[in-house]
Structures are given as structure tokens and as C-alpha cells.
Amino acid sequence: MSAEVDPIERLLAIAAITDRIHQYSRAVDRLDTDMLLDVYWGDGTDDHGVFCGSATDYVDWVMQYVGAWISTHHDNGNIMVDLDGDTAWVESHWTGYYRLPNESGYTDLVSCGRYLDRFERRAGVWRIAHRTCVSDWSTSTNVVGAPRPPHRLSGRRGRTDLVYSLREIRNGAGEG
């Protein structure tokens, strides 16, 4: 940690930053463009190796890129935050589970890496000013045939996923 920070302010900052990291994963997995744009500052940047540019252009690019896949699922952990006033230097680990179509069925891909982020707090709000995505390793398996058929509680890409009606869910949610 670069500077002394009030312990409560530190916890509040870490919680807000962690929420943004999780928001990023939900937005990508659900293909929610507006939610993903909200993770970054309007003048933010992103370097994912295969893409390097403005955050706005990255959001457009990644929605097309992963939108062609069958599904994605991201988990985040080991979030380390170095607070320095209104700037936070953040390393967080990610694991991505991806299902991609291929000629004979599909490919299951698991990748792991880290986000190296510079978060900035502006007007009391934390967002990503710059993200670098480091890929540490991956493995894949080709599967012949179709994935299991969807059922009423299968995860969905887009706003028809049950998470968007979370406040309305009761016993028997997702019927139909």
C-alpha cells in the first residue's frame, strides 16, 4: 500500500472495486453491453493482447468475439488492491470457461490469468481507467456431438437470463 488510508475507507474502496470486477464478468457472460460500458471510464483503455484500444471499442469488439461462442463463464479471485488516493492498482485472478462451436461439435476451453488494472475514483465512483489482461495458461477439449439441450433453468446469454429477474424469482422460477 502506497499511502495510509483510513481502514473503513479502504474496505469501502475494495468493496466497490471488487463489485466492478464482478460486474465485468457478469456483463461479458450475459453479453450485456451497457453493463460492460459501465465498468470503464469513458476515456478508459483495454489491452487484451488480441485487442488493444479504447474501452468503448473493446466493448464492441468483445461482444462480437464472445458472442459467437456457445457460452462463457468467468470466476474472479485473489483480488489485491493497492490504494493511492483516488487511484488503485489492482491485480485480480480470473478463470474463464468457454464453449465454442466447431465442425464436429464443440470445444470446451478453460483459461486462467490475471487482470492488471488501474482504477480511478472520480466524483466518488470507482471504474477502470486501464485494464491489461495477462493470460497465464489454458487447456481445451474437443467434444463430438451437441451440448446438452437447454432446460427452463439453463443459463442464457442476454437479458433473458434469470439474473435479470432475480427480484421476482419465487419457487418455480423460470417456468415456461
N, C-alpha and C. Protein backbone atom coordinates (compact mmCIF):
# COMPACT_ATOMS: atom_id res chain seq x y z
N MET A 1 0.84 -1.17 0.00
CA MET A 1 0.00 0.00 0.00
C MET A 1 0.89 1.24 0.00
N SER A 2 0.59 2.20 -0.86
CA SER A 2 1.44 3.37 -1.03
C SER A 2 1.21 4.44 0.03
N ALA A 3 0.02 4.63 0.47
CA ALA A 3 -0.29 5.70 1.42
C ALA A 3 -1.19 5.17 2.52
N GLU A 4 -1.12 5.83 3.70
CA GLU A 4 -2.00 5.47 4.80
C GLU A 4 -3.44 5.81 4.44
N VAL A 5 -4.32 4.86 4.63
CA VAL A 5 -5.73 5.04 4.30
C VAL A 5 -6.54 4.62 5.51
N ASP A 6 -7.59 5.38 5.82
CA ASP A 6 -8.50 5.02 6.89
C ASP A 6 -9.01 3.61 6.62
N PRO A 7 -8.98 2.71 7.62
CA PRO A 7 -9.38 1.31 7.38
C PRO A 7 -10.80 1.16 6.82
N ILE A 8 -11.75 1.97 7.27
CA ILE A 8 -13.12 1.88 6.75
C ILE A 8 -13.15 2.35 5.29
N GLU A 9 -12.47 3.43 4.98
CA GLU A 9 -12.40 3.92 3.59
C GLU A 9 -11.73 2.88 2.70
N ARG A 10 -10.72 2.22 3.23
CA ARG A 10 -10.04 1.17 2.45
C ARG A 10 -11.01 0.03 2.14
N LEU A 11 -11.75 -0.42 3.14
CA LEU A 11 -12.72 -1.51 2.92
C LEU A 11 -13.81 -1.11 1.93
N LEU A 12 -14.29 0.13 2.04
CA LEU A 12 -15.31 0.61 1.11
C LEU A 12 -14.77 0.65 -0.32
N ALA A 13 -13.52 1.10 -0.48
CA ALA A 13 -12.91 1.15 -1.81
C ALA A 13 -12.72 -0.25 -2.37
N ILE A 14 -12.23 -1.16 -1.55
CA ILE A 14 -12.02 -2.55 -2.01
C ILE A 14 -13.36 -3.18 -2.41
N ALA A 15 -14.40 -2.94 -1.62
CA ALA A 15 -15.72 -3.49 -1.95
C ALA A 15 -16.22 -2.93 -3.28
N ALA A 16 -16.08 -1.64 -3.50
CA ALA A 16 -16.56 -1.02 -4.75
C ALA A 16 -15.76 -1.54 -5.95
N ILE A 17 -14.46 -1.68 -5.80
CA ILE A 17 -13.60 -2.20 -6.87
C ILE A 17 -13.92 -3.66 -7.16
N THR A 18 -14.10 -4.44 -6.12
CA THR A 18 -14.45 -5.85 -6.29
C THR A 18 -15.79 -6.00 -7.01
N ASP A 19 -16.76 -5.16 -6.65
CA ASP A 19 -18.06 -5.17 -7.35
C ASP A 19 -17.87 -4.90 -8.84
N ARG A 20 -17.01 -3.96 -9.20
CA ARG A 20 -16.76 -3.66 -10.62
C ARG A 20 -16.13 -4.85 -11.33
N ILE A 21 -15.21 -5.53 -10.67
CA ILE A 21 -14.57 -6.70 -11.27
C ILE A 21 -15.61 -7.78 -11.53
N HIS A 22 -16.49 -8.01 -10.58
CA HIS A 22 -17.56 -8.99 -10.76
C HIS A 22 -18.57 -8.53 -11.81
N GLN A 23 -18.86 -7.24 -11.85
CA GLN A 23 -19.76 -6.68 -12.85
C GLN A 23 -19.22 -6.94 -14.26
N TYR A 24 -17.92 -6.79 -14.43
CA TYR A 24 -17.29 -7.06 -15.72
C TYR A 24 -17.60 -8.49 -16.17
N SER A 25 -17.38 -9.45 -15.26
CA SER A 25 -17.60 -10.86 -15.62
C SER A 25 -19.06 -11.13 -15.95
N ARG A 26 -19.97 -10.60 -15.16
CA ARG A 26 -21.39 -10.81 -15.47
C ARG A 26 -21.73 -10.21 -16.83
N ALA A 27 -21.24 -9.02 -17.10
CA ALA A 27 -21.55 -8.35 -18.35
C ALA A 27 -21.05 -9.14 -19.56
N VAL A 28 -19.84 -9.67 -19.48
CA VAL A 28 -19.31 -10.47 -20.60
C VAL A 28 -20.10 -11.76 -20.74
N ASP A 29 -20.35 -12.44 -19.63
CA ASP A 29 -21.05 -13.73 -19.69
C ASP A 29 -22.49 -13.60 -20.16
N ARG A 30 -23.14 -12.50 -19.85
CA ARG A 30 -24.52 -12.28 -20.25
C ARG A 30 -24.62 -11.45 -21.54
N LEU A 31 -23.49 -11.07 -22.11
CA LEU A 31 -23.44 -10.23 -23.31
C LEU A 31 -24.23 -8.93 -23.11
N ASP A 32 -23.98 -8.27 -21.98
CA ASP A 32 -24.69 -7.05 -21.61
C ASP A 32 -23.79 -5.84 -21.87
N THR A 33 -23.97 -5.25 -23.03
CA THR A 33 -23.12 -4.13 -23.47
C THR A 33 -23.17 -2.96 -22.50
N ASP A 34 -24.37 -2.55 -22.10
CA ASP A 34 -24.50 -1.38 -21.21
C ASP A 34 -23.81 -1.62 -19.87
N MET A 35 -23.97 -2.83 -19.33
CA MET A 35 -23.33 -3.15 -18.06
C MET A 35 -21.81 -3.12 -18.20
N LEU A 36 -21.30 -3.62 -19.32
CA LEU A 36 -19.85 -3.63 -19.52
C LEU A 36 -19.31 -2.22 -19.71
N LEU A 37 -20.00 -1.39 -20.45
CA LEU A 37 -19.56 0.01 -20.61
C LEU A 37 -19.47 0.72 -19.26
N ASP A 38 -20.35 0.37 -18.33
CA ASP A 38 -20.40 0.99 -17.01
C ASP A 38 -19.19 0.63 -16.14
N VAL A 39 -18.47 -0.41 -16.50
CA VAL A 39 -17.29 -0.84 -15.73
C VAL A 39 -16.11 0.11 -15.96
N TYR A 40 -16.04 0.69 -17.14
CA TYR A 40 -14.91 1.53 -17.55
C TYR A 40 -15.29 3.02 -17.51
N TRP A 41 -14.28 3.86 -17.32
CA TRP A 41 -14.46 5.28 -17.56
C TRP A 41 -14.56 5.49 -19.06
N GLY A 42 -15.29 6.50 -19.50
CA GLY A 42 -15.48 6.77 -20.92
C GLY A 42 -14.18 6.95 -21.68
N ASP A 43 -13.13 7.43 -20.99
CA ASP A 43 -11.82 7.59 -21.62
C ASP A 43 -10.88 6.43 -21.29
N GLY A 44 -11.47 5.32 -20.78
CA GLY A 44 -10.68 4.17 -20.39
C GLY A 44 -10.09 3.42 -21.59
N THR A 45 -9.11 2.57 -21.28
CA THR A 45 -8.45 1.76 -22.30
C THR A 45 -8.37 0.32 -21.84
N ASP A 46 -8.16 -0.58 -22.81
CA ASP A 46 -8.08 -2.01 -22.51
C ASP A 46 -7.05 -2.65 -23.44
N ASP A 47 -6.22 -3.53 -22.86
CA ASP A 47 -5.26 -4.30 -23.64
C ASP A 47 -5.44 -5.77 -23.29
N HIS A 48 -6.11 -6.51 -24.17
CA HIS A 48 -6.32 -7.94 -24.01
C HIS A 48 -5.38 -8.75 -24.90
N GLY A 49 -4.33 -8.13 -25.40
CA GLY A 49 -3.40 -8.82 -26.28
C GLY A 49 -3.92 -8.88 -27.71
N VAL A 50 -5.02 -9.60 -27.91
CA VAL A 50 -5.63 -9.68 -29.25
C VAL A 50 -6.41 -8.41 -29.57
N PHE A 51 -6.65 -7.58 -28.57
CA PHE A 51 -7.27 -6.27 -28.75
C PHE A 51 -6.53 -5.28 -27.86
N CYS A 52 -6.25 -4.10 -28.39
CA CYS A 52 -5.66 -3.02 -27.60
C CYS A 52 -6.23 -1.71 -28.12
N GLY A 53 -6.94 -0.97 -27.24
CA GLY A 53 -7.53 0.29 -27.68
C GLY A 53 -8.42 0.87 -26.62
N SER A 54 -9.37 1.68 -27.05
CA SER A 54 -10.28 2.34 -26.11
C SER A 54 -11.22 1.31 -25.49
N ALA A 55 -11.70 1.62 -24.30
CA ALA A 55 -12.65 0.72 -23.63
C ALA A 55 -13.93 0.59 -24.45
N THR A 56 -14.38 1.68 -25.03
CA THR A 56 -15.60 1.64 -25.84
C THR A 56 -15.43 0.71 -27.03
N ASP A 57 -14.31 0.82 -27.72
CA ASP A 57 -14.05 -0.08 -28.85
C ASP A 57 -13.87 -1.52 -28.38
N TYR A 58 -13.25 -1.70 -27.20
CA TYR A 58 -13.09 -3.05 -26.65
C TYR A 58 -14.46 -3.69 -26.40
N VAL A 59 -15.38 -2.94 -25.81
CA VAL A 59 -16.71 -3.49 -25.52
C VAL A 59 -17.38 -3.95 -26.81
N ASP A 60 -17.33 -3.13 -27.85
CA ASP A 60 -17.89 -3.53 -29.14
C ASP A 60 -17.22 -4.80 -29.66
N TRP A 61 -15.90 -4.83 -29.58
CA TRP A 61 -15.12 -5.97 -30.07
C TRP A 61 -15.45 -7.25 -29.29
N VAL A 62 -15.40 -7.18 -27.96
CA VAL A 62 -15.56 -8.39 -27.15
C VAL A 62 -16.98 -8.95 -27.27
N MET A 63 -17.98 -8.09 -27.42
CA MET A 63 -19.35 -8.58 -27.57
C MET A 63 -19.49 -9.39 -28.86
N GLN A 64 -18.83 -8.95 -29.93
CA GLN A 64 -18.83 -9.72 -31.18
C GLN A 64 -18.01 -11.00 -31.03
N TYR A 65 -16.86 -10.88 -30.40
CA TYR A 65 -15.92 -12.00 -30.26
C TYR A 65 -16.54 -13.16 -29.47
N VAL A 66 -16.95 -12.90 -28.24
CA VAL A 66 -17.51 -13.98 -27.41
C VAL A 66 -18.97 -14.24 -27.74
N GLY A 67 -19.62 -13.30 -28.42
CA GLY A 67 -21.00 -13.51 -28.84
C GLY A 67 -21.16 -14.65 -29.82
N ALA A 68 -20.10 -14.99 -30.52
CA ALA A 68 -20.14 -16.11 -31.47
C ALA A 68 -19.96 -17.46 -30.77
N TRP A 69 -19.64 -17.46 -29.49
CA TRP A 69 -19.43 -18.70 -28.75
C TRP A 69 -20.75 -19.19 -28.17
N ILE A 70 -20.78 -20.46 -27.76
CA ILE A 70 -21.99 -21.04 -27.19
C ILE A 70 -22.25 -20.46 -25.79
N SER A 71 -21.20 -20.38 -24.97
CA SER A 71 -21.35 -19.82 -23.63
C SER A 71 -19.99 -19.45 -23.07
N THR A 72 -20.03 -18.57 -22.05
CA THR A 72 -18.83 -18.21 -21.29
C THR A 72 -19.21 -18.14 -19.82
N HIS A 73 -18.22 -18.37 -18.97
CA HIS A 73 -18.43 -18.28 -17.52
C HIS A 73 -17.09 -17.84 -16.92
N HIS A 74 -17.10 -16.73 -16.19
CA HIS A 74 -15.88 -16.21 -15.58
C HIS A 74 -15.98 -16.23 -14.06
N ASP A 75 -14.91 -16.62 -13.42
CA ASP A 75 -14.77 -16.52 -11.97
C ASP A 75 -13.58 -15.62 -11.66
N ASN A 76 -13.69 -14.83 -10.60
CA ASN A 76 -12.63 -13.92 -10.19
C ASN A 76 -12.21 -14.23 -8.76
N GLY A 77 -10.93 -14.03 -8.48
CA GLY A 77 -10.45 -14.26 -7.13
C GLY A 77 -9.11 -13.59 -6.90
N ASN A 78 -8.60 -13.75 -5.68
CA ASN A 78 -7.30 -13.22 -5.29
C ASN A 78 -7.15 -11.76 -5.71
N ILE A 79 -8.11 -10.95 -5.32
CA ILE A 79 -8.13 -9.53 -5.70
C ILE A 79 -7.25 -8.75 -4.72
N MET A 80 -6.18 -8.19 -5.25
CA MET A 80 -5.22 -7.43 -4.44
C MET A 80 -5.30 -5.97 -4.87
N VAL A 81 -5.55 -5.08 -3.89
CA VAL A 81 -5.78 -3.67 -4.17
C VAL A 81 -4.72 -2.83 -3.46
N ASP A 82 -4.01 -2.01 -4.21
CA ASP A 82 -3.03 -1.06 -3.69
C ASP A 82 -3.61 0.34 -3.89
N LEU A 83 -4.15 0.90 -2.81
CA LEU A 83 -4.80 2.22 -2.88
C LEU A 83 -3.77 3.33 -2.79
N ASP A 84 -3.97 4.35 -3.62
CA ASP A 84 -3.12 5.53 -3.61
C ASP A 84 -4.01 6.73 -3.93
N GLY A 85 -4.71 7.23 -2.90
CA GLY A 85 -5.63 8.34 -3.09
C GLY A 85 -6.81 7.92 -3.94
N ASP A 86 -7.01 8.61 -5.06
CA ASP A 86 -8.12 8.29 -5.96
C ASP A 86 -7.72 7.34 -7.08
N THR A 87 -6.58 6.69 -6.91
CA THR A 87 -6.10 5.68 -7.86
C THR A 87 -5.90 4.38 -7.10
N ALA A 88 -6.24 3.27 -7.74
CA ALA A 88 -6.00 1.95 -7.15
C ALA A 88 -5.34 1.08 -8.21
N TRP A 89 -4.28 0.43 -7.82
CA TRP A 89 -3.58 -0.53 -8.67
C TRP A 89 -4.05 -1.90 -8.23
N VAL A 90 -4.63 -2.66 -9.16
CA VAL A 90 -5.35 -3.87 -8.78
C VAL A 90 -4.89 -5.05 -9.64
N GLU A 91 -4.58 -6.16 -8.96
CA GLU A 91 -4.36 -7.43 -9.64
C GLU A 91 -5.46 -8.38 -9.19
N SER A 92 -6.15 -8.99 -10.16
CA SER A 92 -7.16 -9.99 -9.82
C SER A 92 -7.02 -11.17 -10.75
N HIS A 93 -7.17 -12.35 -10.18
CA HIS A 93 -7.08 -13.57 -10.97
C HIS A 93 -8.43 -13.88 -11.60
N TRP A 94 -8.41 -14.46 -12.79
CA TRP A 94 -9.64 -14.88 -13.46
C TRP A 94 -9.48 -16.29 -14.00
N THR A 95 -10.59 -16.99 -14.02
CA THR A 95 -10.68 -18.27 -14.70
C THR A 95 -11.88 -18.17 -15.64
N GLY A 96 -11.64 -18.48 -16.90
CA GLY A 96 -12.71 -18.43 -17.89
C GLY A 96 -13.00 -19.81 -18.43
N TYR A 97 -14.27 -20.16 -18.44
CA TYR A 97 -14.74 -21.42 -19.02
C TYR A 97 -15.52 -21.06 -20.27
N TYR A 98 -15.10 -21.59 -21.40
CA TYR A 98 -15.68 -21.19 -22.68
C TYR A 98 -16.12 -22.42 -23.46
N ARG A 99 -17.26 -22.32 -24.11
CA ARG A 99 -17.74 -23.37 -25.00
C ARG A 99 -17.88 -22.75 -26.39
N LEU A 100 -17.10 -23.27 -27.34
CA LEU A 100 -17.05 -22.73 -28.69
C LEU A 100 -17.52 -23.77 -29.68
N PRO A 101 -18.28 -23.38 -30.69
CA PRO A 101 -18.70 -24.35 -31.71
C PRO A 101 -17.51 -24.73 -32.60
N ASN A 102 -17.52 -25.99 -33.06
CA ASN A 102 -16.56 -26.41 -34.08
C ASN A 102 -17.27 -27.32 -35.06
N GLU A 103 -16.56 -27.83 -36.06
CA GLU A 103 -17.18 -28.60 -37.14
C GLU A 103 -17.87 -29.88 -36.66
N SER A 104 -17.32 -30.53 -35.63
CA SER A 104 -17.86 -31.83 -35.20
C SER A 104 -18.65 -31.76 -33.90
N GLY A 105 -18.79 -30.59 -33.34
CA GLY A 105 -19.49 -30.46 -32.07
C GLY A 105 -19.13 -29.15 -31.40
N TYR A 106 -18.28 -29.25 -30.38
CA TYR A 106 -17.87 -28.04 -29.69
C TYR A 106 -16.54 -28.26 -28.98
N THR A 107 -15.92 -27.17 -28.59
CA THR A 107 -14.67 -27.20 -27.84
C THR A 107 -14.92 -26.56 -26.49
N ASP A 108 -14.54 -27.25 -25.42
CA ASP A 108 -14.54 -26.67 -24.09
C ASP A 108 -13.13 -26.17 -23.80
N LEU A 109 -13.02 -24.89 -23.48
CA LEU A 109 -11.73 -24.25 -23.23
C LEU A 109 -11.75 -23.66 -21.83
N VAL A 110 -10.68 -23.91 -21.08
CA VAL A 110 -10.51 -23.30 -19.77
C VAL A 110 -9.22 -22.48 -19.83
N SER A 111 -9.32 -21.21 -19.47
CA SER A 111 -8.17 -20.31 -19.45
C SER A 111 -8.08 -19.64 -18.10
N CYS A 112 -6.86 -19.37 -17.67
CA CYS A 112 -6.63 -18.68 -16.41
C CYS A 112 -5.63 -17.55 -16.64
N GLY A 113 -5.81 -16.49 -15.89
CA GLY A 113 -4.89 -15.38 -15.99
C GLY A 113 -5.18 -14.33 -14.95
N ARG A 114 -4.71 -13.12 -15.24
CA ARG A 114 -4.85 -12.02 -14.28
C ARG A 114 -5.21 -10.74 -15.01
N TYR A 115 -6.02 -9.93 -14.36
CA TYR A 115 -6.26 -8.57 -14.81
C TYR A 115 -5.34 -7.66 -14.00
N LEU A 116 -4.63 -6.80 -14.69
CA LEU A 116 -3.80 -5.78 -14.05
C LEU A 116 -4.47 -4.45 -14.38
N ASP A 117 -5.13 -3.87 -13.39
CA ASP A 117 -5.99 -2.72 -13.60
C ASP A 117 -5.49 -1.47 -12.90
N ARG A 118 -5.78 -0.34 -13.52
CA ARG A 118 -5.69 0.95 -12.84
C ARG A 118 -7.12 1.46 -12.71
N PHE A 119 -7.61 1.45 -11.50
CA PHE A 119 -8.93 2.02 -11.21
C PHE A 119 -8.74 3.47 -10.80
N GLU A 120 -9.71 4.29 -11.14
CA GLU A 120 -9.71 5.68 -10.68
C GLU A 120 -11.07 5.98 -10.05
N ARG A 121 -11.00 6.75 -8.97
CA ARG A 121 -12.23 7.23 -8.32
C ARG A 121 -12.46 8.66 -8.77
N ARG A 122 -13.60 8.87 -9.42
CA ARG A 122 -13.97 10.21 -9.86
C ARG A 122 -15.37 10.49 -9.32
N ALA A 123 -15.51 11.63 -8.69
CA ALA A 123 -16.80 12.01 -8.07
C ALA A 123 -17.32 10.88 -7.19
N GLY A 124 -16.41 10.21 -6.49
CA GLY A 124 -16.78 9.16 -5.54
C GLY A 124 -17.05 7.80 -6.14
N VAL A 125 -16.87 7.62 -7.46
CA VAL A 125 -17.17 6.37 -8.14
C VAL A 125 -15.89 5.74 -8.67
N TRP A 126 -15.71 4.42 -8.40
CA TRP A 126 -14.56 3.68 -8.90
C TRP A 126 -14.91 2.98 -10.21
N ARG A 127 -14.06 3.18 -11.23
CA ARG A 127 -14.18 2.47 -12.50
C ARG A 127 -12.77 2.20 -13.04
N ILE A 128 -12.71 1.34 -14.04
CA ILE A 128 -11.43 1.01 -14.66
C ILE A 128 -11.01 2.13 -15.60
N ALA A 129 -9.78 2.63 -15.40
CA ALA A 129 -9.18 3.60 -16.31
C ALA A 129 -8.33 2.86 -17.36
N HIS A 130 -7.67 1.78 -16.93
CA HIS A 130 -6.93 0.94 -17.88
C HIS A 130 -6.89 -0.49 -17.36
N ARG A 131 -7.10 -1.43 -18.27
CA ARG A 131 -7.00 -2.86 -17.95
C ARG A 131 -6.03 -3.53 -18.90
N THR A 132 -5.14 -4.35 -18.34
CA THR A 132 -4.29 -5.24 -19.10
C THR A 132 -4.65 -6.65 -18.69
N CYS A 133 -4.93 -7.51 -19.65
CA CYS A 133 -5.32 -8.89 -19.38
C CYS A 133 -4.13 -9.80 -19.69
N VAL A 134 -3.62 -10.46 -18.66
CA VAL A 134 -2.50 -11.39 -18.80
C VAL A 134 -3.05 -12.81 -18.81
N SER A 135 -2.72 -13.58 -19.82
CA SER A 135 -3.14 -14.99 -19.88
C SER A 135 -2.00 -15.85 -19.37
N ASP A 136 -2.27 -16.66 -18.35
CA ASP A 136 -1.23 -17.49 -17.75
C ASP A 136 -1.21 -18.91 -18.31
N TRP A 137 -2.37 -19.52 -18.56
CA TRP A 137 -2.42 -20.86 -19.16
C TRP A 137 -3.82 -21.18 -19.63
N SER A 138 -3.91 -22.21 -20.48
CA SER A 138 -5.22 -22.68 -20.94
C SER A 138 -5.12 -24.14 -21.38
N THR A 139 -6.27 -24.77 -21.44
CA THR A 139 -6.38 -26.13 -21.92
C THR A 139 -7.72 -26.27 -22.64
N SER A 140 -7.78 -27.20 -23.59
CA SER A 140 -9.04 -27.37 -24.31
C SER A 140 -9.31 -28.83 -24.59
N THR A 141 -10.60 -29.13 -24.78
CA THR A 141 -11.07 -30.47 -25.10
C THR A 141 -12.09 -30.36 -26.21
N ASN A 142 -11.91 -31.13 -27.28
CA ASN A 142 -12.91 -31.18 -28.35
C ASN A 142 -13.92 -32.26 -28.02
N VAL A 143 -15.19 -31.93 -28.18
CA VAL A 143 -16.28 -32.85 -27.88
C VAL A 143 -17.10 -33.05 -29.14
N VAL A 144 -17.37 -34.31 -29.49
CA VAL A 144 -18.18 -34.62 -30.66
C VAL A 144 -19.64 -34.65 -30.25
N GLY A 145 -20.51 -34.06 -31.05
CA GLY A 145 -21.95 -34.04 -30.76
C GLY A 145 -22.38 -32.70 -30.22
N ALA A 146 -23.64 -32.61 -29.88
CA ALA A 146 -24.24 -31.36 -29.40
C ALA A 146 -24.16 -31.28 -27.88
N PRO A 147 -24.06 -30.06 -27.35
CA PRO A 147 -24.13 -29.91 -25.89
C PRO A 147 -25.50 -30.32 -25.38
N ARG A 148 -25.62 -30.52 -24.08
CA ARG A 148 -26.91 -30.92 -23.51
C ARG A 148 -27.97 -29.89 -23.90
N PRO A 149 -29.19 -30.35 -24.12
CA PRO A 149 -30.25 -29.40 -24.51
C PRO A 149 -30.58 -28.47 -23.35
N PRO A 150 -30.94 -27.24 -23.66
CA PRO A 150 -31.29 -26.30 -22.60
C PRO A 150 -32.59 -26.70 -21.92
N HIS A 151 -32.72 -26.31 -20.67
CA HIS A 151 -33.98 -26.51 -19.94
C HIS A 151 -34.38 -25.17 -19.32
N ARG A 152 -35.47 -25.14 -18.59
CA ARG A 152 -36.03 -23.87 -18.13
C ARG A 152 -35.09 -23.09 -17.21
N LEU A 153 -34.14 -23.75 -16.56
CA LEU A 153 -33.22 -23.04 -15.68
C LEU A 153 -31.80 -22.99 -16.24
N SER A 154 -31.63 -23.22 -17.52
CA SER A 154 -30.32 -23.09 -18.15
C SER A 154 -29.93 -21.62 -18.21
N GLY A 155 -28.65 -21.36 -18.01
CA GLY A 155 -28.15 -20.01 -18.19
C GLY A 155 -28.35 -19.57 -19.62
N ARG A 156 -28.61 -18.30 -19.80
CA ARG A 156 -28.84 -17.75 -21.14
C ARG A 156 -27.95 -16.54 -21.34
N ARG A 157 -27.63 -16.29 -22.57
CA ARG A 157 -26.86 -15.10 -22.89
C ARG A 157 -27.84 -14.00 -23.22
N GLY A 158 -27.63 -12.84 -22.66
CA GLY A 158 -28.52 -11.72 -22.90
C GLY A 158 -29.49 -11.51 -21.74
N ARG A 159 -30.41 -10.61 -21.93
CA ARG A 159 -31.29 -10.17 -20.86
C ARG A 159 -32.42 -11.15 -20.54
N THR A 160 -32.48 -12.30 -21.23
CA THR A 160 -33.48 -13.31 -20.87
C THR A 160 -32.95 -14.24 -19.78
N ASP A 161 -31.68 -14.08 -19.38
CA ASP A 161 -31.15 -14.88 -18.28
C ASP A 161 -31.91 -14.54 -17.00
N LEU A 162 -32.09 -15.53 -16.15
CA LEU A 162 -32.87 -15.34 -14.91
C LEU A 162 -32.30 -14.27 -13.98
N VAL A 163 -31.01 -13.97 -14.07
CA VAL A 163 -30.44 -12.97 -13.17
C VAL A 163 -31.13 -11.62 -13.33
N TYR A 164 -31.65 -11.34 -14.53
CA TYR A 164 -32.30 -10.06 -14.76
C TYR A 164 -33.69 -9.99 -14.12
N SER A 165 -34.22 -11.13 -13.68
CA SER A 165 -35.50 -11.12 -12.96
C SER A 165 -35.30 -11.65 -11.53
N LEU A 166 -34.10 -11.50 -11.03
CA LEU A 166 -33.73 -12.03 -9.71
C LEU A 166 -34.70 -11.57 -8.61
N ARG A 167 -35.12 -10.35 -8.64
CA ARG A 167 -36.01 -9.84 -7.60
C ARG A 167 -37.42 -10.42 -7.68
N GLU A 168 -37.77 -10.99 -8.82
CA GLU A 168 -39.10 -11.58 -8.99
C GLU A 168 -39.11 -13.10 -8.82
N ILE A 169 -37.94 -13.70 -8.67
CA ILE A 169 -37.87 -15.17 -8.60
C ILE A 169 -38.53 -15.67 -7.31
N ARG A 170 -39.37 -16.65 -7.49
CA ARG A 170 -40.02 -17.36 -6.38
C ARG A 170 -39.89 -18.84 -6.68
N ASN A 171 -40.46 -19.68 -5.87
CA ASN A 171 -40.46 -21.12 -6.13
C ASN A 171 -41.07 -21.36 -7.50
N GLY A 172 -40.40 -22.16 -8.33
CA GLY A 172 -40.88 -22.43 -9.66
C GLY A 172 -40.44 -21.39 -10.68
N ALA A 173 -39.40 -20.62 -10.34
CA ALA A 173 -38.91 -19.57 -11.25
C ALA A 173 -38.54 -20.15 -12.60
N GLY A 174 -38.69 -19.35 -13.60
CA GLY A 174 -38.26 -19.74 -14.94
C GLY A 174 -39.21 -20.68 -15.62
N GLU A 175 -40.41 -20.82 -15.12
CA GLU A 175 -41.34 -21.75 -15.76
C GLU A 175 -41.67 -21.27 -17.16
N GLY A 176 -41.84 -22.23 -18.02
CA GLY A 176 -42.22 -21.89 -19.37
C GLY A 176 -41.11 -22.07 -20.36
